[in-house]
Amino acid sequence: MQIWAGLGNPGASYALHRHNVGFMVADAIAAIHDFGPWQKKFRSLISEGRLGGARVLLLKPQTFMNDSGDAVQQALNFFKLDVAALTAIHDELDLLPMKVKVRTGGGLAGHNGLRSIDASLGPDFRRLRIGIGHPGDKARVTGHVLGNYAKSEMEPLSDLLAAIASEADALAEGDDVRFMNDVALRMQG
């Protein structure tokens, strides 16, 4: 069993924020791979399914970003899993928009969801980082992160979500490099 936590803030007013791209990825994976219906558990919405040979529990914490760690820890504890079973899916300022990188461990880059998970579980979890780009001025970061995707970004975002969901089997198999390469190839086409 793997737990993939899409990070975001609950509520319709946050739905299209760049900070909610983790929720968007979880929704795309659930839809494309016929996961079960979303249910409430672990202070989250959860949906279970299979990616390749792996059982995956998609988790969308409903705690707001800065308390995501508690929801994630509840799920890991319930299934008696350690932090190696966790993949956090989140927005990343330091990546160009619509770029995807996967890594295990690393810094928190000021991300409140990552900070909360790190405080609960330590830093050694896998991260699926979705680039949202930096607005260029530190004073504009909050508005950028908590702003909706622009109209011009909607088609590339839709393509990106489809590419990530379509290649999710490679991520579930632990082939992070193939996953990143295949997503990048789909985005070029």
Protein backbone atom coordinates (compact mmCIF):
# COMPACT_ATOMS: atom_id res chain seq x y z
CA MET A 1 0.00 0.00 0.00
CA GLN A 2 1.22 3.47 -0.92
CA ILE A 3 -0.29 6.73 0.24
CA TRP A 4 -0.25 9.62 -2.21
CA ALA A 5 -1.22 12.86 -0.49
CA GLY A 6 -2.33 15.62 -2.84
CA LEU A 7 -1.86 18.86 -0.93
CA GLY A 8 -4.33 21.71 -1.10
CA ASN A 9 -6.87 23.70 0.85
CA PRO A 10 -10.48 22.47 1.11
CA GLY A 11 -13.40 24.47 -0.23
CA ALA A 12 -14.65 25.71 -3.57
CA SER A 13 -13.01 29.13 -3.23
CA TYR A 14 -9.55 27.46 -3.31
CA ALA A 15 -10.29 24.92 -6.07
CA LEU A 16 -8.33 26.60 -8.89
CA HIS A 17 -5.51 28.04 -6.79
CA ARG A 18 -1.98 27.07 -7.84
CA HIS A 19 -1.51 25.90 -4.23
CA ASN A 20 -4.23 23.26 -4.86
CA VAL A 21 -2.55 21.50 -7.77
CA GLY A 22 -1.97 18.49 -5.49
CA PHE A 23 -5.75 18.05 -5.14
CA MET A 24 -6.10 18.41 -8.93
CA VAL A 25 -3.53 15.65 -9.55
CA ALA A 26 -5.28 13.33 -7.07
CA ASP A 27 -8.62 13.94 -8.79
CA ALA A 28 -7.12 13.26 -12.24
CA ILE A 29 -5.49 9.99 -11.11
CA ALA A 30 -8.71 8.83 -9.43
CA ALA A 31 -10.76 9.60 -12.56
CA ILE A 32 -8.41 8.11 -15.15
CA HIS A 33 -7.65 4.96 -13.16
CA ASP A 34 -11.19 4.25 -11.95
CA PHE A 35 -10.44 4.59 -8.25
CA GLY A 36 -13.25 4.11 -5.74
CA PRO A 37 -15.54 6.96 -4.66
CA TRP A 38 -14.12 9.68 -2.44
CA GLN A 39 -14.89 9.06 1.25
CA LYS A 40 -14.16 10.92 4.48
CA LYS A 41 -11.48 9.37 6.71
CA PHE A 42 -8.25 10.52 8.41
CA ARG A 43 -9.42 14.16 8.33
CA SER A 44 -9.24 13.78 4.54
CA LEU A 45 -11.06 12.71 1.45
CA ILE A 46 -9.68 9.33 0.37
CA SER A 47 -10.02 7.18 -2.72
CA GLU A 48 -8.43 3.77 -3.19
CA GLY A 49 -7.37 1.98 -6.34
CA ARG A 50 -4.56 0.25 -8.19
CA LEU A 51 -1.74 1.65 -10.27
CA GLY A 52 0.11 -1.15 -12.00
CA GLY A 53 0.63 -3.78 -9.33
CA ALA A 54 0.43 -1.33 -6.41
CA ARG A 55 -2.48 -0.48 -4.12
CA VAL A 56 -2.62 3.29 -3.77
CA LEU A 57 -4.66 5.37 -1.37
CA LEU A 58 -5.14 8.92 -2.67
CA LEU A 59 -5.53 11.38 0.17
CA LYS A 60 -6.73 14.98 0.02
CA PRO A 61 -6.31 16.40 3.56
CA GLN A 62 -9.26 18.57 4.54
CA THR A 63 -7.27 20.22 7.34
CA PHE A 64 -5.95 23.20 5.39
CA MET A 65 -2.38 23.15 4.19
CA ASN A 66 -0.64 23.98 7.45
CA ASP A 67 -2.06 20.90 9.24
CA SER A 68 -1.65 18.35 6.43
CA GLY A 69 0.88 16.36 8.45
CA ASP A 70 -1.72 15.22 10.97
CA ALA A 71 -4.03 13.81 8.27
CA VAL A 72 -1.15 12.06 6.50
CA GLN A 73 0.19 10.62 9.76
CA GLN A 74 -3.27 9.23 10.66
CA ALA A 75 -3.42 7.34 7.35
CA LEU A 76 0.13 5.98 7.65
CA ASN A 77 -0.51 4.87 11.24
CA PHE A 78 -3.80 3.17 10.32
CA PHE A 79 -2.10 1.05 7.64
CA LYS A 80 1.06 0.59 9.77
CA LEU A 81 3.20 2.16 7.05
CA ASP A 82 6.37 4.15 7.43
CA VAL A 83 7.26 7.39 5.71
CA ALA A 84 8.75 5.52 2.70
CA ALA A 85 5.17 4.66 1.61
CA LEU A 86 4.25 8.35 1.28
CA THR A 87 4.29 10.53 -1.82
CA ALA A 88 3.32 14.18 -1.27
CA ILE A 89 2.00 15.93 -4.40
CA HIS A 90 2.45 19.69 -4.22
CA ASP A 91 3.05 22.99 -5.99
CA GLU A 92 6.65 24.16 -6.36
CA LEU A 93 7.65 27.83 -6.84
CA ASP A 94 11.20 26.93 -7.86
CA LEU A 95 10.13 24.95 -10.94
CA LEU A 96 8.91 26.47 -14.18
CA PRO A 97 5.13 26.25 -14.68
CA MET A 98 3.89 22.81 -15.81
CA LYS A 99 7.26 21.12 -15.09
CA VAL A 100 7.34 18.00 -12.93
CA LYS A 101 10.13 16.66 -10.72
CA VAL A 102 10.19 13.76 -8.28
CA ARG A 103 12.61 13.41 -5.40
CA THR A 104 12.82 11.91 -1.95
CA GLY A 105 13.71 14.18 0.93
CA GLY A 106 14.98 17.71 0.54
CA GLY A 107 14.07 21.12 1.82
CA LEU A 108 10.67 22.60 2.48
CA ALA A 109 10.99 25.74 0.30
CA GLY A 110 8.62 27.64 2.60
CA HIS A 111 5.73 25.27 1.73
CA ASN A 112 3.37 25.01 4.72
CA GLY A 113 2.04 21.58 3.70
CA LEU A 114 5.55 20.14 3.45
CA ARG A 115 6.52 21.84 6.71
CA SER A 116 3.55 20.20 8.46
CA ILE A 117 4.35 16.72 7.07
CA ASP A 118 8.03 17.16 7.95
CA ALA A 119 7.10 18.13 11.52
CA SER A 120 4.96 14.97 11.87
CA LEU A 121 7.09 12.45 9.95
CA GLY A 122 10.51 13.90 9.14
CA PRO A 123 11.84 14.88 5.70
CA ASP A 124 12.36 11.45 4.09
CA PHE A 125 9.20 11.19 2.00
CA ARG A 126 8.89 11.26 -1.77
CA ARG A 127 7.64 14.48 -3.34
CA LEU A 128 5.94 14.91 -6.68
CA ARG A 129 6.69 18.58 -7.33
CA ILE A 130 4.48 20.47 -9.80
CA GLY A 131 6.03 23.70 -11.07
CA ILE A 132 4.01 26.88 -10.70
CA GLY A 133 6.89 29.28 -11.39
CA HIS A 134 8.04 32.21 -9.27
CA PRO A 135 6.35 35.58 -9.84
CA GLY A 136 9.79 37.24 -9.74
CA ASP A 137 9.20 39.40 -6.68
CA LYS A 138 9.11 37.96 -3.16
CA ALA A 139 6.29 40.35 -2.24
CA ARG A 140 4.06 38.75 -4.90
CA VAL A 141 4.60 35.10 -3.86
CA THR A 142 1.54 34.77 -1.62
CA GLY A 143 -0.81 36.24 -4.22
CA HIS A 144 0.72 34.01 -6.90
CA VAL A 145 0.49 30.79 -4.87
CA LEU A 146 -3.00 31.58 -3.57
CA GLY A 147 -4.18 32.90 -6.93
CA ASN A 148 -6.18 30.99 -9.52
CA TYR A 149 -4.49 29.59 -12.57
CA ALA A 150 -4.77 32.11 -15.40
CA LYS A 151 -7.15 31.39 -18.30
CA SER A 152 -4.12 30.94 -20.58
CA GLU A 153 -2.79 28.23 -18.25
CA MET A 154 -5.94 26.08 -18.20
CA GLU A 155 -5.22 24.05 -21.35
CA PRO A 156 -1.56 23.32 -20.42
CA LEU A 157 -2.72 22.48 -16.87
CA SER A 158 -5.32 20.06 -18.21
CA ASP A 159 -2.65 18.45 -20.43
CA LEU A 160 -0.27 18.19 -17.47
CA LEU A 161 -2.86 16.57 -15.19
CA ALA A 162 -3.70 14.05 -17.92
CA ALA A 163 0.01 13.30 -18.50
CA ILE A 164 0.70 12.77 -14.78
CA ALA A 165 -2.35 10.52 -14.38
CA SER A 166 -1.53 8.55 -17.54
CA GLU A 167 2.04 7.87 -16.39
CA ALA A 168 1.21 7.27 -12.71
CA ASP A 169 1.90 3.52 -12.99
CA ALA A 170 5.64 4.25 -13.38
CA LEU A 171 5.56 6.37 -10.23
CA ALA A 172 3.77 3.60 -8.33
CA GLU A 173 6.44 1.14 -9.48
CA GLY A 174 9.13 3.45 -8.09
CA ASP A 175 10.51 4.34 -11.53
CA ASP A 176 10.66 8.08 -10.89
CA VAL A 177 13.01 8.78 -13.82
CA ARG A 178 10.79 7.02 -16.36
CA PHE A 179 7.76 8.82 -14.91
CA MET A 180 9.41 12.26 -15.27
CA ASN A 181 10.65 11.47 -18.79
CA ASP A 182 7.29 10.15 -19.98
CA VAL A 183 5.38 13.13 -18.55
CA ALA A 184 7.86 15.51 -20.24
CA LEU A 185 7.45 13.66 -23.56
CA ARG A 186 3.65 13.87 -23.35
CA MET A 187 3.89 17.61 -22.67
CA GLN A 188 6.04 18.14 -25.78
CA GLY A 189 3.55 16.31 -28.03
